[in-house]
Amino acid sequence: MKSWRRMVSLLAFALLVFAVSPASAANLDSEILHYVNAVRISAGVAPMTLDNELTAASVVRAEESMVRFAHQRPDGREVKSVLENSASYSWFGENLAVSKSDDAEAIVRAWMNSPTHRANLLNRHYTKMGVSCKKAADGRYYVAQEMACN
C-alpha cells in the first residue's frame, strides 16, 4: 500500500512539474513562474498560480526598479501601494532582480541563494503571484515578482 501511495505521489508531482514546463513557456515571465513553482514543489510547498492583478503590479514594479532598484517605490511610497486593492491581501511580498542575461533558472537560483528572497519564494502563505521582466536600454533585465494571498 505504501509503494502505491508513493507511486501516486510521484506521478502527481511529475504532472505538476509538466503542467508548468518551460517547454510551453512563451517568455521569460512564464519561465520564471515555472522555476519558482518547481522549487516550491520540491520543498513541499504548493505552487502559486498566476494572478492578473499581481501581474499588472509586477509590470509597474519592474519598470520602477529600472529607475530605483529598491523595495520602495520611486516616489517613496511602500511597495504594496502598487496594488489597487491592497487591503484584500493578508500576505504580500516582493522579490526583485537585475540580470545581464535572460536566464530564468539563474534568476530563480539567485533568489534561492538569498535568505530573504528564498523565504519569500517558499512562504506557504503565498498562493498567487505576478512576474514581469523588462529589458533596459543598457541590456540588463529587471525582474519584479509580487506574491500574495487573500
N, C-alpha and C. Protein backbone atom coordinates (compact mmCIF):
# COMPACT_ATOMS: atom_id res chain seq x y z
N MET A 1 0.82 -1.20 0.00
CA MET A 1 0.00 0.00 0.00
C MET A 1 0.87 1.26 0.00
N LYS A 2 1.99 1.23 0.79
CA LYS A 2 2.87 2.39 0.82
C LYS A 2 3.50 2.65 -0.54
N SER A 3 3.88 1.59 -1.25
CA SER A 3 4.50 1.79 -2.56
C SER A 3 3.49 2.37 -3.55
N TRP A 4 2.23 1.97 -3.43
CA TRP A 4 1.18 2.50 -4.28
C TRP A 4 1.01 4.00 -4.03
N ARG A 5 0.95 4.42 -2.77
CA ARG A 5 0.83 5.84 -2.41
C ARG A 5 2.04 6.63 -2.91
N ARG A 6 3.19 6.03 -2.75
CA ARG A 6 4.41 6.70 -3.20
C ARG A 6 4.38 6.89 -4.72
N MET A 7 3.94 5.86 -5.44
CA MET A 7 3.88 5.97 -6.89
C MET A 7 2.86 7.03 -7.31
N VAL A 8 1.72 7.08 -6.66
CA VAL A 8 0.71 8.09 -6.97
C VAL A 8 1.26 9.48 -6.67
N SER A 9 1.96 9.62 -5.55
CA SER A 9 2.55 10.91 -5.19
C SER A 9 3.58 11.36 -6.22
N LEU A 10 4.43 10.45 -6.65
CA LEU A 10 5.43 10.78 -7.66
C LEU A 10 4.78 11.14 -9.00
N LEU A 11 3.73 10.43 -9.35
CA LEU A 11 3.02 10.74 -10.58
C LEU A 11 2.38 12.12 -10.50
N ALA A 12 1.77 12.43 -9.37
CA ALA A 12 1.16 13.76 -9.19
C ALA A 12 2.22 14.85 -9.28
N PHE A 13 3.39 14.61 -8.66
CA PHE A 13 4.50 15.58 -8.73
C PHE A 13 4.94 15.78 -10.17
N ALA A 14 5.08 14.69 -10.91
CA ALA A 14 5.51 14.78 -12.31
C ALA A 14 4.50 15.56 -13.15
N LEU A 15 3.22 15.33 -12.89
CA LEU A 15 2.19 16.06 -13.63
C LEU A 15 2.22 17.54 -13.32
N LEU A 16 2.45 17.89 -12.05
CA LEU A 16 2.54 19.30 -11.68
C LEU A 16 3.72 19.98 -12.36
N VAL A 17 4.86 19.32 -12.34
CA VAL A 17 6.05 19.89 -12.97
C VAL A 17 5.82 20.02 -14.47
N PHE A 18 5.25 19.00 -15.10
CA PHE A 18 4.99 19.06 -16.54
C PHE A 18 3.98 20.15 -16.88
N ALA A 19 3.01 20.36 -16.00
CA ALA A 19 1.97 21.35 -16.28
C ALA A 19 2.53 22.75 -16.40
N VAL A 20 3.65 23.03 -15.73
CA VAL A 20 4.25 24.35 -15.82
C VAL A 20 5.62 24.27 -16.49
N SER A 21 5.78 23.34 -17.40
CA SER A 21 7.04 23.11 -18.08
C SER A 21 7.47 24.32 -18.90
N PRO A 22 8.78 24.67 -18.85
CA PRO A 22 9.24 25.79 -19.64
C PRO A 22 9.18 25.52 -21.13
N ALA A 23 8.99 24.27 -21.52
CA ALA A 23 8.86 23.97 -22.94
C ALA A 23 7.66 24.69 -23.54
N SER A 24 6.65 24.95 -22.70
CA SER A 24 5.48 25.66 -23.20
C SER A 24 5.53 27.15 -22.87
N ALA A 25 6.63 27.57 -22.29
CA ALA A 25 6.75 28.98 -21.88
C ALA A 25 6.92 29.88 -23.09
N ALA A 26 6.11 30.93 -23.13
CA ALA A 26 6.18 31.85 -24.26
C ALA A 26 7.24 32.92 -24.02
N ASN A 27 7.63 33.14 -22.78
CA ASN A 27 8.59 34.21 -22.50
C ASN A 27 9.26 34.00 -21.15
N LEU A 28 10.12 34.90 -20.81
CA LEU A 28 10.89 34.83 -19.57
C LEU A 28 9.99 34.83 -18.34
N ASP A 29 8.91 35.60 -18.36
CA ASP A 29 7.98 35.64 -17.23
C ASP A 29 7.44 34.24 -16.94
N SER A 30 7.01 33.54 -17.96
CA SER A 30 6.46 32.19 -17.81
C SER A 30 7.52 31.22 -17.30
N GLU A 31 8.74 31.38 -17.78
CA GLU A 31 9.82 30.50 -17.33
C GLU A 31 10.12 30.73 -15.86
N ILE A 32 10.09 31.97 -15.42
CA ILE A 32 10.32 32.26 -14.00
C ILE A 32 9.23 31.62 -13.15
N LEU A 33 7.97 31.75 -13.58
CA LEU A 33 6.87 31.09 -12.88
C LEU A 33 7.14 29.59 -12.77
N HIS A 34 7.58 28.98 -13.85
CA HIS A 34 7.89 27.55 -13.85
C HIS A 34 8.94 27.21 -12.80
N TYR A 35 10.07 27.92 -12.82
CA TYR A 35 11.16 27.60 -11.89
C TYR A 35 10.80 27.91 -10.45
N VAL A 36 10.04 28.97 -10.22
CA VAL A 36 9.56 29.27 -8.86
C VAL A 36 8.71 28.11 -8.36
N ASN A 37 7.78 27.66 -9.18
CA ASN A 37 6.91 26.56 -8.75
C ASN A 37 7.67 25.25 -8.62
N ALA A 38 8.67 25.03 -9.44
CA ALA A 38 9.48 23.81 -9.32
C ALA A 38 10.20 23.77 -7.97
N VAL A 39 10.78 24.90 -7.54
CA VAL A 39 11.47 24.90 -6.23
C VAL A 39 10.46 24.80 -5.10
N ARG A 40 9.30 25.39 -5.26
CA ARG A 40 8.26 25.27 -4.21
C ARG A 40 7.80 23.82 -4.08
N ILE A 41 7.53 23.17 -5.20
CA ILE A 41 7.09 21.78 -5.16
C ILE A 41 8.15 20.89 -4.56
N SER A 42 9.41 21.09 -4.96
CA SER A 42 10.48 20.24 -4.42
C SER A 42 10.69 20.48 -2.93
N ALA A 43 10.27 21.62 -2.42
CA ALA A 43 10.37 21.92 -0.98
C ALA A 43 9.09 21.52 -0.23
N GLY A 44 8.12 20.94 -0.95
CA GLY A 44 6.88 20.52 -0.31
C GLY A 44 5.88 21.63 -0.11
N VAL A 45 6.03 22.72 -0.87
CA VAL A 45 5.12 23.86 -0.77
C VAL A 45 4.27 23.90 -2.05
N ALA A 46 3.00 24.22 -1.90
CA ALA A 46 2.09 24.25 -3.05
C ALA A 46 2.54 25.30 -4.06
N PRO A 47 2.38 25.02 -5.35
CA PRO A 47 2.75 26.01 -6.37
C PRO A 47 1.82 27.21 -6.32
N MET A 48 2.30 28.34 -6.82
CA MET A 48 1.49 29.55 -6.91
C MET A 48 0.85 29.62 -8.30
N THR A 49 -0.30 30.27 -8.36
CA THR A 49 -0.96 30.49 -9.64
C THR A 49 -0.67 31.92 -10.08
N LEU A 50 -0.72 32.13 -11.38
CA LEU A 50 -0.51 33.46 -11.94
C LEU A 50 -1.77 34.28 -11.73
N ASP A 51 -1.62 35.50 -11.24
CA ASP A 51 -2.75 36.37 -10.91
C ASP A 51 -2.66 37.65 -11.74
N ASN A 52 -3.79 38.06 -12.33
CA ASN A 52 -3.80 39.24 -13.21
C ASN A 52 -3.45 40.52 -12.49
N GLU A 53 -4.01 40.75 -11.30
CA GLU A 53 -3.72 41.98 -10.56
C GLU A 53 -2.25 42.04 -10.14
N LEU A 54 -1.72 40.91 -9.68
CA LEU A 54 -0.31 40.88 -9.28
C LEU A 54 0.61 41.00 -10.49
N THR A 55 0.18 40.48 -11.63
CA THR A 55 0.97 40.63 -12.85
C THR A 55 1.02 42.09 -13.27
N ALA A 56 -0.11 42.77 -13.22
CA ALA A 56 -0.14 44.20 -13.57
C ALA A 56 0.75 44.98 -12.61
N ALA A 57 0.72 44.64 -11.33
CA ALA A 57 1.57 45.31 -10.34
C ALA A 57 3.05 45.03 -10.62
N SER A 58 3.36 43.80 -11.05
CA SER A 58 4.77 43.46 -11.31
C SER A 58 5.30 44.20 -12.54
N VAL A 59 4.43 44.48 -13.50
CA VAL A 59 4.85 45.27 -14.68
C VAL A 59 5.27 46.67 -14.22
N VAL A 60 4.45 47.27 -13.37
CA VAL A 60 4.76 48.61 -12.84
C VAL A 60 6.05 48.56 -12.04
N ARG A 61 6.20 47.54 -11.17
CA ARG A 61 7.38 47.47 -10.31
C ARG A 61 8.65 47.17 -11.10
N ALA A 62 8.57 46.37 -12.17
CA ALA A 62 9.76 46.12 -12.99
C ALA A 62 10.22 47.42 -13.65
N GLU A 63 9.25 48.20 -14.14
CA GLU A 63 9.60 49.49 -14.74
C GLU A 63 10.17 50.45 -13.69
N GLU A 64 9.57 50.47 -12.51
CA GLU A 64 10.05 51.35 -11.44
C GLU A 64 11.44 50.93 -10.96
N SER A 65 11.73 49.63 -10.98
CA SER A 65 13.04 49.18 -10.50
C SER A 65 14.17 49.61 -11.43
N MET A 66 13.83 49.95 -12.67
CA MET A 66 14.85 50.49 -13.58
C MET A 66 15.22 51.91 -13.17
N VAL A 67 14.30 52.59 -12.49
CA VAL A 67 14.53 53.96 -12.02
C VAL A 67 15.18 53.95 -10.64
N ARG A 68 14.62 53.13 -9.76
CA ARG A 68 15.13 53.00 -8.38
C ARG A 68 15.01 51.54 -7.98
N PHE A 69 16.14 50.86 -7.88
CA PHE A 69 16.14 49.44 -7.55
C PHE A 69 16.08 49.29 -6.04
N ALA A 70 14.85 49.22 -5.53
CA ALA A 70 14.63 49.13 -4.07
C ALA A 70 13.23 48.59 -3.83
N HIS A 71 13.03 48.07 -2.63
CA HIS A 71 11.71 47.60 -2.22
C HIS A 71 10.91 48.78 -1.67
N GLN A 72 10.94 49.84 -2.42
CA GLN A 72 10.19 51.06 -2.15
C GLN A 72 9.96 51.70 -3.50
N ARG A 73 8.83 52.34 -3.65
CA ARG A 73 8.52 52.95 -4.94
C ARG A 73 9.34 54.23 -5.15
N PRO A 74 9.59 54.63 -6.39
CA PRO A 74 10.40 55.81 -6.65
C PRO A 74 9.91 57.08 -5.96
N ASP A 75 8.60 57.17 -5.72
CA ASP A 75 8.05 58.35 -5.04
C ASP A 75 8.07 58.22 -3.52
N GLY A 76 8.66 57.13 -3.00
CA GLY A 76 8.80 56.95 -1.56
C GLY A 76 7.70 56.13 -0.90
N ARG A 77 6.63 55.84 -1.64
CA ARG A 77 5.56 55.04 -1.05
C ARG A 77 5.99 53.59 -0.88
N GLU A 78 5.27 52.88 0.01
CA GLU A 78 5.58 51.46 0.22
C GLU A 78 5.18 50.65 -1.01
N VAL A 79 5.83 49.52 -1.19
CA VAL A 79 5.63 48.68 -2.37
C VAL A 79 4.17 48.26 -2.54
N LYS A 80 3.52 47.91 -1.46
CA LYS A 80 2.14 47.41 -1.53
C LYS A 80 1.18 48.42 -2.15
N SER A 81 1.57 49.68 -2.18
CA SER A 81 0.69 50.70 -2.76
C SER A 81 0.53 50.52 -4.27
N VAL A 82 1.34 49.67 -4.89
CA VAL A 82 1.21 49.40 -6.32
C VAL A 82 -0.08 48.64 -6.62
N LEU A 83 -0.64 48.01 -5.61
CA LEU A 83 -1.88 47.25 -5.80
C LEU A 83 -3.08 48.17 -5.67
N GLU A 84 -4.05 47.98 -6.54
CA GLU A 84 -5.26 48.81 -6.49
C GLU A 84 -6.09 48.52 -5.25
N ASN A 85 -6.13 47.25 -4.84
CA ASN A 85 -6.93 46.87 -3.69
C ASN A 85 -6.06 46.12 -2.69
N SER A 86 -5.05 46.79 -2.15
CA SER A 86 -4.08 46.14 -1.29
C SER A 86 -4.68 45.61 0.01
N ALA A 87 -5.80 46.16 0.43
CA ALA A 87 -6.42 45.71 1.68
C ALA A 87 -6.97 44.29 1.56
N SER A 88 -7.17 43.81 0.33
CA SER A 88 -7.74 42.48 0.16
C SER A 88 -6.72 41.36 0.38
N TYR A 89 -5.46 41.69 0.54
CA TYR A 89 -4.42 40.66 0.71
C TYR A 89 -3.95 40.61 2.15
N SER A 90 -3.98 39.40 2.73
CA SER A 90 -3.50 39.24 4.10
C SER A 90 -1.98 39.07 4.14
N TRP A 91 -1.39 38.58 3.06
CA TRP A 91 0.06 38.43 2.94
C TRP A 91 0.48 39.03 1.60
N PHE A 92 1.60 39.76 1.61
CA PHE A 92 2.12 40.35 0.38
C PHE A 92 3.64 40.39 0.47
N GLY A 93 4.32 40.05 -0.63
CA GLY A 93 5.77 40.11 -0.67
C GLY A 93 6.26 40.40 -2.07
N GLU A 94 7.51 40.82 -2.15
CA GLU A 94 8.10 41.17 -3.44
C GLU A 94 9.53 40.66 -3.50
N ASN A 95 9.90 40.14 -4.66
CA ASN A 95 11.29 39.85 -4.99
C ASN A 95 11.64 40.65 -6.23
N LEU A 96 12.82 41.26 -6.20
CA LEU A 96 13.34 41.99 -7.36
C LEU A 96 14.66 41.34 -7.78
N ALA A 97 14.97 41.48 -9.05
CA ALA A 97 16.26 41.00 -9.55
C ALA A 97 16.67 41.87 -10.73
N VAL A 98 17.98 41.94 -10.92
CA VAL A 98 18.52 42.55 -12.12
C VAL A 98 19.55 41.57 -12.65
N SER A 99 19.50 41.32 -13.95
CA SER A 99 20.34 40.29 -14.54
C SER A 99 20.87 40.74 -15.89
N LYS A 100 22.08 40.30 -16.20
CA LYS A 100 22.66 40.60 -17.50
C LYS A 100 22.16 39.63 -18.57
N SER A 101 21.55 38.52 -18.13
CA SER A 101 21.05 37.54 -19.10
C SER A 101 19.57 37.25 -18.87
N ASP A 102 18.97 36.65 -19.86
CA ASP A 102 17.55 36.30 -19.77
C ASP A 102 17.39 34.83 -19.37
N ASP A 103 18.18 34.39 -18.39
CA ASP A 103 18.18 33.02 -17.91
C ASP A 103 17.28 32.92 -16.67
N ALA A 104 16.05 32.47 -16.87
CA ALA A 104 15.08 32.39 -15.78
C ALA A 104 15.56 31.50 -14.65
N GLU A 105 16.17 30.39 -14.99
CA GLU A 105 16.66 29.47 -13.96
C GLU A 105 17.72 30.14 -13.09
N ALA A 106 18.62 30.91 -13.70
CA ALA A 106 19.67 31.61 -12.94
C ALA A 106 19.06 32.68 -12.05
N ILE A 107 18.03 33.35 -12.51
CA ILE A 107 17.37 34.38 -11.70
C ILE A 107 16.74 33.76 -10.46
N VAL A 108 16.01 32.66 -10.65
CA VAL A 108 15.39 31.99 -9.50
C VAL A 108 16.46 31.40 -8.59
N ARG A 109 17.53 30.86 -9.15
CA ARG A 109 18.62 30.33 -8.34
C ARG A 109 19.25 31.43 -7.49
N ALA A 110 19.41 32.62 -8.04
CA ALA A 110 19.95 33.75 -7.27
C ALA A 110 19.01 34.10 -6.11
N TRP A 111 17.71 34.11 -6.36
CA TRP A 111 16.76 34.35 -5.27
C TRP A 111 16.88 33.27 -4.20
N MET A 112 17.04 32.02 -4.63
CA MET A 112 17.15 30.92 -3.67
C MET A 112 18.44 31.00 -2.86
N ASN A 113 19.47 31.65 -3.39
CA ASN A 113 20.73 31.81 -2.65
C ASN A 113 20.71 32.99 -1.69
N SER A 114 19.65 33.76 -1.69
CA SER A 114 19.49 34.90 -0.78
C SER A 114 18.46 34.50 0.29
N PRO A 115 18.83 34.53 1.56
CA PRO A 115 17.90 34.08 2.61
C PRO A 115 16.53 34.77 2.60
N THR A 116 16.50 36.08 2.38
CA THR A 116 15.20 36.78 2.41
C THR A 116 14.36 36.48 1.16
N HIS A 117 15.01 36.41 -0.01
CA HIS A 117 14.28 36.07 -1.22
C HIS A 117 13.79 34.61 -1.18
N ARG A 118 14.64 33.75 -0.66
CA ARG A 118 14.28 32.34 -0.50
C ARG A 118 13.06 32.19 0.41
N ALA A 119 13.06 32.93 1.52
CA ALA A 119 11.93 32.88 2.45
C ALA A 119 10.64 33.31 1.75
N ASN A 120 10.73 34.33 0.90
CA ASN A 120 9.56 34.76 0.14
C ASN A 120 9.09 33.66 -0.81
N LEU A 121 10.03 33.09 -1.56
CA LEU A 121 9.67 32.06 -2.55
C LEU A 121 9.02 30.85 -1.91
N LEU A 122 9.48 30.48 -0.72
CA LEU A 122 8.99 29.26 -0.08
C LEU A 122 7.93 29.53 0.97
N ASN A 123 7.46 30.76 1.07
CA ASN A 123 6.43 31.10 2.06
C ASN A 123 5.14 30.38 1.69
N ARG A 124 4.67 29.51 2.59
CA ARG A 124 3.48 28.70 2.32
C ARG A 124 2.20 29.54 2.24
N HIS A 125 2.23 30.75 2.77
CA HIS A 125 1.05 31.61 2.74
C HIS A 125 0.77 32.17 1.35
N TYR A 126 1.81 32.33 0.54
CA TYR A 126 1.61 32.87 -0.80
C TYR A 126 0.98 31.82 -1.70
N THR A 127 -0.12 32.18 -2.33
CA THR A 127 -0.84 31.25 -3.20
C THR A 127 -0.87 31.73 -4.65
N LYS A 128 -0.55 32.99 -4.87
CA LYS A 128 -0.58 33.53 -6.23
C LYS A 128 0.53 34.54 -6.40
N MET A 129 0.87 34.77 -7.67
CA MET A 129 1.97 35.69 -7.96
C MET A 129 1.77 36.35 -9.31
N GLY A 130 2.53 37.41 -9.50
CA GLY A 130 2.67 38.05 -10.79
C GLY A 130 4.15 38.26 -11.00
N VAL A 131 4.60 38.19 -12.22
CA VAL A 131 6.02 38.40 -12.50
C VAL A 131 6.15 39.13 -13.83
N SER A 132 7.11 40.04 -13.87
CA SER A 132 7.36 40.79 -15.10
C SER A 132 8.83 41.07 -15.25
N CYS A 133 9.32 40.97 -16.48
CA CYS A 133 10.71 41.26 -16.80
C CYS A 133 10.74 42.36 -17.85
N LYS A 134 11.57 43.35 -17.60
CA LYS A 134 11.73 44.45 -18.55
C LYS A 134 13.21 44.58 -18.91
N LYS A 135 13.48 44.72 -20.19
CA LYS A 135 14.86 44.90 -20.64
C LYS A 135 15.14 46.38 -20.76
N ALA A 136 16.17 46.84 -20.05
CA ALA A 136 16.54 48.26 -20.06
C ALA A 136 17.42 48.57 -21.27
N ALA A 137 17.62 49.84 -21.51
CA ALA A 137 18.44 50.29 -22.64
C ALA A 137 19.88 49.77 -22.54
N ASP A 138 20.36 49.54 -21.30
CA ASP A 138 21.73 49.04 -21.11
C ASP A 138 21.82 47.53 -21.30
N GLY A 139 20.69 46.88 -21.64
CA GLY A 139 20.70 45.45 -21.91
C GLY A 139 20.40 44.57 -20.71
N ARG A 140 20.32 45.16 -19.53
CA ARG A 140 20.02 44.37 -18.34
C ARG A 140 18.53 44.12 -18.21
N TYR A 141 18.19 43.00 -17.58
CA TYR A 141 16.80 42.63 -17.34
C TYR A 141 16.43 42.95 -15.90
N TYR A 142 15.33 43.66 -15.72
CA TYR A 142 14.81 43.99 -14.40
C TYR A 142 13.56 43.15 -14.18
N VAL A 143 13.58 42.40 -13.08
CA VAL A 143 12.51 41.45 -12.80
C VAL A 143 11.83 41.84 -11.50
N ALA A 144 10.50 41.82 -11.51
CA ALA A 144 9.71 42.05 -10.30
C ALA A 144 8.75 40.88 -10.15
N GLN A 145 8.73 40.32 -8.96
CA GLN A 145 7.81 39.25 -8.62
C GLN A 145 6.99 39.72 -7.42
N GLU A 146 5.68 39.76 -7.59
CA GLU A 146 4.78 40.14 -6.50
C GLU A 146 4.02 38.88 -6.08
N MET A 147 3.96 38.63 -4.78
CA MET A 147 3.30 37.42 -4.26
C MET A 147 2.29 37.82 -3.20
N ALA A 148 1.19 37.07 -3.12
CA ALA A 148 0.16 37.41 -2.14
C ALA A 148 -0.77 36.23 -1.91
N CYS A 149 -1.64 36.41 -0.95
CA CYS A 149 -2.77 35.51 -0.73
C CYS A 149 -3.90 36.33 -0.13
N ASN A 150 -5.11 35.85 -0.26
CA ASN A 150 -6.26 36.58 0.28
C ASN A 150 -6.42 36.27 1.75
